[in-house]
Amino acid sequence: MNNLVLKVLNQYSWCENPQNNVKTRHSRRDGNGAIYLSRFTFMASDYQLPEVNYSGVIELTVKDLKEMNPRPQSFWNLHELPDDCKALYIPDENDTGGLSVSLCTNPPDGLENYVKKEYIYWLNGKFRMNKCVNQLLEYLHSNINEGGGIELWSLWFGDEMNNIVHHKWSLSQTNNLRLELLEDTDCCLRIIK
């Protein structure tokens, strides 16, 4: 499969609750009341940082997808969806998993109990892949101010977080193994230049 429509986003997507019109990104309930938990990664700073997207996933409208030639494969019948409906599109699934940094405008409830920096960004990618790790290291080298620092957070929301691992390293000491903590450990990695 070369091209793929990953997900169609609309008012009923998992990140919005149509009953009370409140967007949530950290947990949801199924029809039986069970809560789903999620791990999120963040980058926090005392100053603004640039947003980047090397994820290999592109947000388009259904109209854009209908006009593509050849048309990408989709799990949905695109002709039954409104043209202005948003969709996530993967031009080449071999090129996914790269770094993505975007401003966190809708943080999970309780994030303020952990992250105290003024600017918070969603941090996404496959941190066990050399490609993503190299992109993150290049991003940090380019964007950490001299004498300043950035916090990288990985937190599992929906459960108590009693054992958050805290590390502080200079950027020159940061390596791929330490960044892998972001995949599966509740942690705060403070990186200084």
N, C-alpha and C. Protein backbone atom coordinates (compact mmCIF):
# COMPACT_ATOMS: atom_id res chain seq x y z
N MET A 1 0.86 -1.17 0.00
CA MET A 1 0.00 0.00 0.00
C MET A 1 0.90 1.23 0.00
N ASN A 2 0.74 2.05 -1.00
CA ASN A 2 1.62 3.20 -1.13
C ASN A 2 1.03 4.46 -0.52
N ASN A 3 -0.25 4.73 -0.77
CA ASN A 3 -0.92 5.90 -0.21
C ASN A 3 -2.08 5.43 0.66
N LEU A 4 -2.34 6.16 1.73
CA LEU A 4 -3.37 5.71 2.66
C LEU A 4 -4.01 6.90 3.36
N VAL A 5 -5.33 6.86 3.47
CA VAL A 5 -6.04 7.81 4.31
C VAL A 5 -6.13 7.16 5.68
N LEU A 6 -5.48 7.76 6.66
CA LEU A 6 -5.36 7.16 7.98
C LEU A 6 -6.62 7.31 8.81
N LYS A 7 -7.19 8.50 8.85
CA LYS A 7 -8.32 8.74 9.72
C LYS A 7 -9.10 9.93 9.18
N VAL A 8 -10.40 9.84 9.22
CA VAL A 8 -11.23 10.97 8.87
C VAL A 8 -11.62 11.66 10.17
N LEU A 9 -11.35 12.96 10.24
CA LEU A 9 -11.65 13.72 11.44
C LEU A 9 -12.93 14.51 11.23
N ASN A 10 -13.85 14.39 12.16
CA ASN A 10 -15.08 15.18 12.09
C ASN A 10 -15.59 15.38 13.51
N GLN A 11 -16.81 15.83 13.65
CA GLN A 11 -17.32 16.15 14.97
C GLN A 11 -17.44 14.92 15.87
N TYR A 12 -17.33 13.72 15.32
CA TYR A 12 -17.45 12.53 16.13
C TYR A 12 -16.11 11.82 16.34
N SER A 13 -15.01 12.49 16.03
CA SER A 13 -13.71 11.86 16.24
C SER A 13 -13.44 11.74 17.73
N TRP A 14 -12.48 10.90 18.08
CA TRP A 14 -12.23 10.60 19.49
C TRP A 14 -11.82 11.81 20.29
N CYS A 15 -11.32 12.85 19.62
CA CYS A 15 -10.79 13.97 20.39
C CYS A 15 -11.85 15.04 20.66
N GLU A 16 -13.09 14.79 20.31
CA GLU A 16 -14.13 15.75 20.63
C GLU A 16 -15.32 15.03 21.23
N ASN A 17 -15.98 15.66 22.18
CA ASN A 17 -17.17 15.11 22.80
C ASN A 17 -18.36 15.92 22.29
N PRO A 18 -19.14 15.37 21.35
CA PRO A 18 -20.24 16.15 20.77
C PRO A 18 -21.35 16.46 21.77
N GLN A 19 -21.43 15.72 22.90
CA GLN A 19 -22.49 15.97 23.86
C GLN A 19 -22.32 17.29 24.60
N ASN A 20 -21.08 17.63 24.96
CA ASN A 20 -20.90 18.89 25.68
C ASN A 20 -19.94 19.84 24.96
N ASN A 21 -19.59 19.48 23.71
CA ASN A 21 -18.76 20.32 22.85
C ASN A 21 -17.41 20.67 23.50
N VAL A 22 -16.87 19.74 24.31
CA VAL A 22 -15.58 19.93 24.94
C VAL A 22 -14.58 18.99 24.30
N LYS A 23 -13.46 19.52 23.86
CA LYS A 23 -12.42 18.69 23.27
C LYS A 23 -11.54 18.13 24.37
N THR A 24 -11.24 16.84 24.28
CA THR A 24 -10.32 16.22 25.21
C THR A 24 -9.33 15.38 24.42
N ARG A 25 -8.10 15.28 24.90
CA ARG A 25 -7.10 14.51 24.18
C ARG A 25 -6.44 13.47 25.07
N HIS A 26 -6.90 13.31 26.29
CA HIS A 26 -6.17 12.42 27.18
C HIS A 26 -6.93 11.17 27.59
N SER A 27 -8.24 11.17 27.60
CA SER A 27 -8.97 9.96 27.94
C SER A 27 -10.38 10.08 27.39
N ARG A 28 -11.02 8.93 27.29
CA ARG A 28 -12.42 8.92 26.87
C ARG A 28 -13.08 7.69 27.45
N ARG A 29 -14.39 7.68 27.45
CA ARG A 29 -15.16 6.54 27.95
C ARG A 29 -15.80 5.82 26.77
N ASP A 30 -15.85 4.50 26.85
CA ASP A 30 -16.58 3.76 25.83
C ASP A 30 -18.05 3.69 26.24
N GLY A 31 -18.86 2.95 25.53
CA GLY A 31 -20.29 2.84 25.81
C GLY A 31 -20.60 2.23 27.17
N ASN A 32 -19.63 1.49 27.72
CA ASN A 32 -19.83 0.86 29.02
C ASN A 32 -19.26 1.67 30.17
N GLY A 33 -18.72 2.85 29.90
CA GLY A 33 -18.18 3.71 30.94
C GLY A 33 -16.71 3.49 31.25
N ALA A 34 -16.04 2.56 30.53
CA ALA A 34 -14.61 2.32 30.77
C ALA A 34 -13.81 3.51 30.26
N ILE A 35 -12.75 3.88 30.99
CA ILE A 35 -11.91 5.01 30.61
C ILE A 35 -10.67 4.50 29.88
N TYR A 36 -10.38 5.12 28.75
CA TYR A 36 -9.15 4.82 28.03
C TYR A 36 -8.05 5.76 28.51
N LEU A 37 -6.85 5.24 28.72
CA LEU A 37 -5.72 6.03 29.20
C LEU A 37 -4.76 6.25 28.05
N SER A 38 -3.99 7.34 28.11
CA SER A 38 -3.07 7.66 27.02
C SER A 38 -1.76 8.22 27.55
N ARG A 39 -0.67 7.88 26.86
CA ARG A 39 0.64 8.47 27.14
C ARG A 39 0.83 9.64 26.17
N PHE A 40 1.25 10.77 26.72
CA PHE A 40 1.53 11.94 25.90
C PHE A 40 2.93 12.44 26.17
N THR A 41 3.54 12.98 25.16
CA THR A 41 4.86 13.58 25.31
C THR A 41 4.77 15.06 24.98
N PHE A 42 5.52 15.85 25.76
CA PHE A 42 5.50 17.30 25.65
C PHE A 42 6.92 17.84 25.65
N MET A 43 7.07 19.01 25.08
CA MET A 43 8.30 19.79 25.19
C MET A 43 7.89 21.10 25.86
N ALA A 44 8.62 21.51 26.87
CA ALA A 44 8.28 22.74 27.60
C ALA A 44 9.49 23.65 27.66
N SER A 45 9.21 24.97 27.58
CA SER A 45 10.28 25.95 27.54
C SER A 45 9.80 27.27 28.14
N ASP A 46 10.76 28.11 28.51
CA ASP A 46 10.43 29.45 28.98
C ASP A 46 10.31 30.44 27.83
N TYR A 47 10.57 30.00 26.63
CA TYR A 47 10.49 30.86 25.44
C TYR A 47 9.84 30.08 24.30
N GLN A 48 9.33 30.83 23.32
CA GLN A 48 8.64 30.20 22.19
C GLN A 48 9.62 29.39 21.35
N LEU A 49 9.11 28.29 20.81
CA LEU A 49 9.88 27.41 19.95
C LEU A 49 9.17 27.26 18.61
N PRO A 50 9.91 26.95 17.56
CA PRO A 50 9.26 26.74 16.27
C PRO A 50 8.53 25.40 16.21
N GLU A 51 7.43 25.38 15.48
CA GLU A 51 6.70 24.14 15.26
C GLU A 51 7.26 23.47 14.00
N VAL A 52 7.36 22.14 14.03
CA VAL A 52 7.84 21.38 12.87
C VAL A 52 6.97 20.13 12.72
N ASN A 53 6.91 19.61 11.50
CA ASN A 53 6.18 18.37 11.25
C ASN A 53 6.92 17.54 10.22
N TYR A 54 7.64 16.53 10.72
CA TYR A 54 8.32 15.56 9.86
C TYR A 54 7.68 14.19 10.03
N SER A 55 6.42 14.16 10.45
CA SER A 55 5.74 12.91 10.80
C SER A 55 5.42 12.03 9.60
N GLY A 56 5.31 12.62 8.42
CA GLY A 56 4.89 11.86 7.25
C GLY A 56 3.38 11.78 7.13
N VAL A 57 2.66 12.47 8.03
CA VAL A 57 1.19 12.49 8.01
C VAL A 57 0.76 13.91 7.68
N ILE A 58 -0.16 14.04 6.72
CA ILE A 58 -0.62 15.34 6.26
C ILE A 58 -2.12 15.46 6.51
N GLU A 59 -2.56 16.61 7.03
CA GLU A 59 -3.99 16.85 7.20
C GLU A 59 -4.52 17.54 5.95
N LEU A 60 -5.53 16.93 5.33
CA LEU A 60 -6.16 17.47 4.12
C LEU A 60 -7.67 17.44 4.31
N THR A 61 -8.39 18.00 3.35
CA THR A 61 -9.84 17.86 3.34
C THR A 61 -10.22 16.68 2.45
N VAL A 62 -11.44 16.18 2.64
CA VAL A 62 -11.93 15.09 1.80
C VAL A 62 -11.97 15.56 0.33
N LYS A 63 -12.28 16.81 0.10
CA LYS A 63 -12.28 17.34 -1.26
C LYS A 63 -10.89 17.20 -1.89
N ASP A 64 -9.83 17.53 -1.13
CA ASP A 64 -8.46 17.37 -1.63
C ASP A 64 -8.19 15.92 -2.02
N LEU A 65 -8.64 15.00 -1.19
CA LEU A 65 -8.42 13.57 -1.46
C LEU A 65 -9.18 13.11 -2.70
N LYS A 66 -10.41 13.61 -2.87
CA LYS A 66 -11.21 13.24 -4.05
C LYS A 66 -10.55 13.71 -5.34
N GLU A 67 -9.82 14.83 -5.28
CA GLU A 67 -9.21 15.40 -6.48
C GLU A 67 -7.86 14.80 -6.80
N MET A 68 -7.31 13.96 -5.93
CA MET A 68 -5.99 13.36 -6.17
C MET A 68 -6.08 12.31 -7.29
N ASN A 69 -5.02 12.26 -8.08
CA ASN A 69 -4.96 11.25 -9.13
C ASN A 69 -3.56 10.65 -9.14
N PRO A 70 -3.37 9.41 -8.80
CA PRO A 70 -4.43 8.46 -8.44
C PRO A 70 -4.96 8.73 -7.03
N ARG A 71 -6.21 8.34 -6.82
CA ARG A 71 -6.85 8.55 -5.53
C ARG A 71 -6.26 7.58 -4.51
N PRO A 72 -5.94 8.05 -3.31
CA PRO A 72 -5.38 7.16 -2.28
C PRO A 72 -6.42 6.16 -1.79
N GLN A 73 -5.92 5.03 -1.28
CA GLN A 73 -6.80 4.04 -0.68
C GLN A 73 -7.40 4.61 0.58
N SER A 74 -8.64 4.23 0.86
CA SER A 74 -9.31 4.73 2.05
C SER A 74 -10.23 3.65 2.60
N PHE A 75 -10.39 3.65 3.93
CA PHE A 75 -11.33 2.74 4.57
C PHE A 75 -12.75 3.26 4.46
N TRP A 76 -12.90 4.52 4.05
CA TRP A 76 -14.19 5.17 3.95
C TRP A 76 -14.52 5.45 2.49
N ASN A 77 -15.81 5.49 2.19
CA ASN A 77 -16.26 5.91 0.88
C ASN A 77 -16.23 7.44 0.89
N LEU A 78 -15.22 8.01 0.26
CA LEU A 78 -15.03 9.46 0.30
C LEU A 78 -16.21 10.23 -0.30
N HIS A 79 -16.95 9.61 -1.22
CA HIS A 79 -18.08 10.31 -1.84
C HIS A 79 -19.26 10.47 -0.89
N GLU A 80 -19.25 9.73 0.21
CA GLU A 80 -20.32 9.85 1.20
C GLU A 80 -19.99 10.86 2.30
N LEU A 81 -18.78 11.44 2.25
CA LEU A 81 -18.34 12.38 3.28
C LEU A 81 -18.40 13.81 2.75
N PRO A 82 -18.65 14.79 3.62
CA PRO A 82 -18.66 16.19 3.18
C PRO A 82 -17.26 16.62 2.72
N ASP A 83 -17.22 17.47 1.71
CA ASP A 83 -15.94 17.92 1.15
C ASP A 83 -15.06 18.62 2.17
N ASP A 84 -15.66 19.33 3.15
CA ASP A 84 -14.84 20.07 4.11
C ASP A 84 -14.41 19.24 5.32
N CYS A 85 -14.78 17.97 5.34
CA CYS A 85 -14.35 17.07 6.41
C CYS A 85 -12.83 16.89 6.33
N LYS A 86 -12.15 16.93 7.47
CA LYS A 86 -10.68 16.80 7.49
C LYS A 86 -10.29 15.33 7.59
N ALA A 87 -9.16 15.00 6.99
CA ALA A 87 -8.65 13.63 7.00
C ALA A 87 -7.14 13.66 7.17
N LEU A 88 -6.60 12.60 7.76
CA LEU A 88 -5.15 12.44 7.86
C LEU A 88 -4.71 11.53 6.73
N TYR A 89 -3.71 11.96 5.99
CA TYR A 89 -3.26 11.27 4.79
C TYR A 89 -1.77 10.95 4.91
N ILE A 90 -1.41 9.71 4.53
CA ILE A 90 -0.02 9.28 4.56
C ILE A 90 0.43 9.02 3.13
N PRO A 91 1.23 9.92 2.53
CA PRO A 91 1.68 9.71 1.15
C PRO A 91 2.56 8.47 1.01
N ASP A 92 3.41 8.18 2.01
CA ASP A 92 4.31 7.03 1.96
C ASP A 92 4.46 6.49 3.37
N GLU A 93 3.87 5.33 3.63
CA GLU A 93 3.89 4.82 5.01
C GLU A 93 5.28 4.44 5.48
N ASN A 94 6.24 4.31 4.57
CA ASN A 94 7.62 4.05 4.97
C ASN A 94 8.29 5.31 5.53
N ASP A 95 7.65 6.47 5.35
CA ASP A 95 8.23 7.73 5.77
C ASP A 95 7.50 8.32 6.98
N THR A 96 6.93 7.46 7.82
CA THR A 96 6.22 7.95 9.01
C THR A 96 7.11 7.79 10.25
N GLY A 97 6.67 8.38 11.34
CA GLY A 97 7.38 8.23 12.61
C GLY A 97 8.37 9.34 12.91
N GLY A 98 8.46 10.32 12.02
CA GLY A 98 9.38 11.43 12.26
C GLY A 98 8.87 12.38 13.33
N LEU A 99 9.70 13.33 13.68
CA LEU A 99 9.42 14.30 14.74
C LEU A 99 8.31 15.26 14.35
N SER A 100 7.48 15.57 15.33
CA SER A 100 6.45 16.59 15.18
C SER A 100 6.41 17.39 16.48
N VAL A 101 6.48 18.72 16.36
CA VAL A 101 6.40 19.63 17.50
C VAL A 101 5.31 20.65 17.18
N SER A 102 4.26 20.71 18.00
CA SER A 102 3.18 21.66 17.76
C SER A 102 2.70 22.24 19.08
N LEU A 103 2.30 23.51 19.04
CA LEU A 103 1.85 24.21 20.23
C LEU A 103 0.69 23.46 20.87
N CYS A 104 0.75 23.29 22.17
CA CYS A 104 -0.29 22.57 22.92
C CYS A 104 -1.35 23.59 23.36
N THR A 105 -2.41 23.66 22.59
CA THR A 105 -3.49 24.61 22.91
C THR A 105 -4.62 23.94 23.69
N ASN A 106 -4.61 22.62 23.77
CA ASN A 106 -5.66 21.88 24.46
C ASN A 106 -5.01 20.79 25.32
N PRO A 107 -4.33 21.18 26.41
CA PRO A 107 -3.60 20.19 27.21
C PRO A 107 -4.53 19.27 27.98
N PRO A 108 -4.05 18.08 28.33
CA PRO A 108 -4.85 17.19 29.18
C PRO A 108 -5.09 17.83 30.55
N ASP A 109 -6.21 17.50 31.14
CA ASP A 109 -6.51 17.99 32.49
C ASP A 109 -5.42 17.54 33.44
N GLY A 110 -4.89 18.45 34.24
CA GLY A 110 -3.89 18.13 35.24
C GLY A 110 -2.46 18.33 34.79
N LEU A 111 -2.23 18.67 33.53
CA LEU A 111 -0.86 18.86 33.06
C LEU A 111 -0.14 19.95 33.86
N GLU A 112 -0.89 20.96 34.27
CA GLU A 112 -0.30 22.08 35.02
C GLU A 112 0.26 21.63 36.38
N ASN A 113 -0.12 20.46 36.84
CA ASN A 113 0.43 19.92 38.09
C ASN A 113 1.87 19.43 37.92
N TYR A 114 2.29 19.25 36.68
CA TYR A 114 3.62 18.72 36.40
C TYR A 114 4.49 19.71 35.64
N VAL A 115 3.99 20.24 34.55
CA VAL A 115 4.77 21.12 33.69
C VAL A 115 4.52 22.56 34.12
N LYS A 116 5.58 23.26 34.50
CA LYS A 116 5.46 24.63 35.01
C LYS A 116 5.97 25.69 34.04
N LYS A 117 6.54 25.28 32.92
CA LYS A 117 7.09 26.23 31.95
C LYS A 117 5.95 26.95 31.23
N GLU A 118 6.25 28.14 30.71
CA GLU A 118 5.22 28.96 30.07
C GLU A 118 4.75 28.39 28.73
N TYR A 119 5.67 27.85 27.93
CA TYR A 119 5.33 27.37 26.60
C TYR A 119 5.39 25.85 26.57
N ILE A 120 4.27 25.24 26.16
CA ILE A 120 4.16 23.78 26.14
C ILE A 120 3.79 23.35 24.71
N TYR A 121 4.48 22.33 24.24
CA TYR A 121 4.29 21.83 22.88
C TYR A 121 4.06 20.33 22.91
N TRP A 122 3.16 19.86 22.03
CA TRP A 122 3.02 18.42 21.82
C TRP A 122 4.30 17.95 21.16
N LEU A 123 4.82 16.83 21.59
CA LEU A 123 6.03 16.24 21.03
C LEU A 123 5.68 14.83 20.58
N ASN A 124 5.75 14.59 19.29
CA ASN A 124 5.37 13.29 18.76
C ASN A 124 6.46 12.73 17.87
N GLY A 125 6.49 11.42 17.80
CA GLY A 125 7.44 10.71 16.95
C GLY A 125 7.72 9.35 17.54
N LYS A 126 8.43 8.54 16.80
CA LYS A 126 8.85 7.23 17.28
C LYS A 126 10.28 7.36 17.79
N PHE A 127 10.40 7.52 19.11
CA PHE A 127 11.69 7.85 19.71
C PHE A 127 12.64 6.66 19.81
N ARG A 128 12.22 5.52 19.30
CA ARG A 128 13.11 4.37 19.19
C ARG A 128 13.71 4.28 17.77
N MET A 129 13.27 5.15 16.89
CA MET A 129 13.80 5.17 15.52
C MET A 129 14.91 6.21 15.41
N ASN A 130 16.02 5.83 14.80
CA ASN A 130 17.14 6.76 14.63
C ASN A 130 16.72 8.04 13.92
N LYS A 131 15.85 7.91 12.92
CA LYS A 131 15.40 9.08 12.16
C LYS A 131 14.78 10.12 13.08
N CYS A 132 13.85 9.71 13.93
CA CYS A 132 13.17 10.64 14.84
C CYS A 132 14.14 11.19 15.88
N VAL A 133 14.96 10.33 16.44
CA VAL A 133 15.94 10.77 17.45
C VAL A 133 16.89 11.80 16.85
N ASN A 134 17.38 11.54 15.65
CA ASN A 134 18.29 12.49 14.99
C ASN A 134 17.58 13.83 14.73
N GLN A 135 16.32 13.77 14.31
CA GLN A 135 15.56 15.01 14.09
C GLN A 135 15.38 15.77 15.40
N LEU A 136 15.10 15.05 16.48
CA LEU A 136 14.92 15.71 17.78
C LEU A 136 16.23 16.33 18.25
N LEU A 137 17.33 15.60 18.13
CA LEU A 137 18.62 16.15 18.54
C LEU A 137 18.99 17.40 17.73
N GLU A 138 18.75 17.35 16.42
CA GLU A 138 19.02 18.52 15.58
C GLU A 138 18.13 19.69 16.00
N TYR A 139 16.86 19.40 16.29
CA TYR A 139 15.92 20.44 16.74
C TYR A 139 16.42 21.07 18.04
N LEU A 140 16.84 20.24 19.00
CA LEU A 140 17.32 20.75 20.28
C LEU A 140 18.58 21.60 20.10
N HIS A 141 19.53 21.13 19.29
CA HIS A 141 20.75 21.91 19.04
C HIS A 141 20.43 23.27 18.43
N SER A 142 19.42 23.31 17.57
CA SER A 142 19.07 24.56 16.88
C SER A 142 18.24 25.50 17.73
N ASN A 143 17.55 24.97 18.76
CA ASN A 143 16.54 25.79 19.43
C ASN A 143 16.72 26.00 20.93
N ILE A 144 17.69 25.34 21.54
CA ILE A 144 17.94 25.62 22.96
C ILE A 144 18.87 26.82 23.03
N ASN A 145 18.43 27.85 23.73
CA ASN A 145 19.26 29.04 23.90
C ASN A 145 20.47 28.72 24.77
N GLU A 146 21.59 29.37 24.49
CA GLU A 146 22.80 29.19 25.29
C GLU A 146 22.49 29.51 26.74
N GLY A 147 22.82 28.60 27.64
CA GLY A 147 22.54 28.79 29.06
C GLY A 147 21.11 28.44 29.43
N GLY A 148 20.28 28.16 28.43
CA GLY A 148 18.88 27.83 28.68
C GLY A 148 18.64 26.34 28.62
N GLY A 149 17.41 25.95 28.79
CA GLY A 149 17.08 24.54 28.77
C GLY A 149 15.67 24.29 28.31
N ILE A 150 15.42 23.04 27.97
CA ILE A 150 14.11 22.57 27.54
C ILE A 150 13.79 21.32 28.34
N GLU A 151 12.51 21.15 28.69
CA GLU A 151 12.07 19.93 29.36
C GLU A 151 11.32 19.06 28.36
N LEU A 152 11.65 17.78 28.35
CA LEU A 152 10.92 16.79 27.57
C LEU A 152 10.16 15.92 28.56
N TRP A 153 8.84 15.89 28.43
CA TRP A 153 7.98 15.17 29.37
C TRP A 153 7.29 14.03 28.65
N SER A 154 7.17 12.91 29.34
CA SER A 154 6.36 11.79 28.89
C SER A 154 5.50 11.37 30.08
N LEU A 155 4.18 11.47 29.93
CA LEU A 155 3.28 11.22 31.06
C LEU A 155 2.10 10.35 30.63
N TRP A 156 1.71 9.44 31.49
CA TRP A 156 0.58 8.55 31.26
C TRP A 156 -0.62 9.15 31.99
N PHE A 157 -1.54 9.74 31.25
CA PHE A 157 -2.69 10.40 31.87
C PHE A 157 -3.83 9.42 32.09
N GLY A 158 -4.58 9.67 33.16
CA GLY A 158 -5.70 8.83 33.53
C GLY A 158 -5.37 7.91 34.68
N ASP A 159 -4.15 7.94 35.14
CA ASP A 159 -3.69 7.12 36.26
C ASP A 159 -2.80 7.99 37.14
N GLU A 160 -2.61 7.59 38.38
CA GLU A 160 -1.72 8.36 39.26
C GLU A 160 -0.28 8.22 38.79
N MET A 161 0.45 9.33 38.84
CA MET A 161 1.85 9.32 38.41
C MET A 161 2.71 9.60 39.64
N ASN A 162 3.06 8.55 40.34
CA ASN A 162 3.85 8.69 41.56
C ASN A 162 5.34 8.57 41.32
N ASN A 163 5.74 7.90 40.27
CA ASN A 163 7.15 7.59 40.04
C ASN A 163 7.66 8.22 38.76
N ILE A 164 7.65 9.52 38.68
CA ILE A 164 8.16 10.21 37.50
C ILE A 164 9.68 10.28 37.62
N VAL A 165 10.35 9.76 36.60
CA VAL A 165 11.81 9.77 36.56
C VAL A 165 12.27 11.15 36.11
N HIS A 166 13.19 11.77 36.85
CA HIS A 166 13.73 13.08 36.50
C HIS A 166 15.22 12.95 36.19
N HIS A 167 15.63 13.46 35.02
CA HIS A 167 17.04 13.49 34.64
C HIS A 167 17.38 14.89 34.15
N LYS A 168 18.61 15.28 34.36
CA LYS A 168 19.10 16.56 33.84
C LYS A 168 20.44 16.30 33.15
N TRP A 169 20.50 16.67 31.86
CA TRP A 169 21.71 16.45 31.08
C TRP A 169 22.04 17.70 30.28
N SER A 170 23.31 17.85 29.98
CA SER A 170 23.67 18.87 29.01
C SER A 170 23.40 18.28 27.63
N LEU A 171 23.14 19.13 26.67
CA LEU A 171 22.80 18.67 25.33
C LEU A 171 23.90 17.78 24.76
N SER A 172 25.14 18.07 25.07
CA SER A 172 26.25 17.26 24.55
C SER A 172 26.27 15.85 25.15
N GLN A 173 25.59 15.62 26.28
CA GLN A 173 25.54 14.30 26.90
C GLN A 173 24.33 13.48 26.48
N THR A 174 23.38 14.08 25.80
CA THR A 174 22.15 13.40 25.43
C THR A 174 22.42 12.44 24.29
N ASN A 175 21.96 11.22 24.43
CA ASN A 175 22.13 10.24 23.35
C ASN A 175 20.82 9.50 23.10
N ASN A 176 20.83 8.65 22.09
CA ASN A 176 19.60 7.95 21.68
C ASN A 176 18.98 7.12 22.80
N LEU A 177 19.77 6.46 23.60
CA LEU A 177 19.23 5.60 24.64
C LEU A 177 18.44 6.40 25.66
N ARG A 178 18.91 7.54 26.01
CA ARG A 178 18.20 8.36 27.00
C ARG A 178 16.89 8.89 26.43
N LEU A 179 16.85 9.23 25.17
CA LEU A 179 15.63 9.73 24.57
C LEU A 179 14.57 8.63 24.42
N GLU A 180 14.98 7.39 24.42
CA GLU A 180 14.02 6.29 24.35
C GLU A 180 13.12 6.24 25.59
N LEU A 181 13.54 6.87 26.68
CA LEU A 181 12.69 6.93 27.87
C LEU A 181 11.33 7.54 27.54
N LEU A 182 11.28 8.41 26.54
CA LEU A 182 10.04 9.08 26.17
C LEU A 182 8.98 8.10 25.67
N GLU A 183 9.39 6.91 25.23
CA GLU A 183 8.45 5.94 24.68
C GLU A 183 7.61 5.26 25.75
N ASP A 184 8.19 4.97 26.92
CA ASP A 184 7.44 4.12 27.85
C ASP A 184 7.68 4.41 29.33
N THR A 185 8.21 5.57 29.65
CA THR A 185 8.52 5.91 31.04
C THR A 185 7.91 7.26 31.40
N ASP A 186 7.25 7.34 32.56
CA ASP A 186 6.83 8.65 33.05
C ASP A 186 8.10 9.39 33.43
N CYS A 187 8.41 10.45 32.69
CA CYS A 187 9.70 11.10 32.93
C CYS A 187 9.67 12.57 32.55
N CYS A 188 10.66 13.27 33.11
CA CYS A 188 10.99 14.64 32.71
C CYS A 188 12.47 14.68 32.46
N LEU A 189 12.85 14.95 31.21
CA LEU A 189 14.25 15.04 30.83
C LEU A 189 14.57 16.51 30.65
N ARG A 190 15.39 17.07 31.54
CA ARG A 190 15.79 18.47 31.44
C ARG A 190 17.10 18.52 30.67
N ILE A 191 17.06 19.22 29.54
CA ILE A 191 18.24 19.28 28.69
C ILE A 191 18.70 20.73 28.61
N ILE A 192 19.95 20.97 28.98
CA ILE A 192 20.51 22.33 28.98
C ILE A 192 21.64 22.42 27.97
N LYS A 193 21.88 23.63 27.50
CA LYS A 193 22.96 23.86 26.52
C LYS A 193 24.12 24.56 27.19
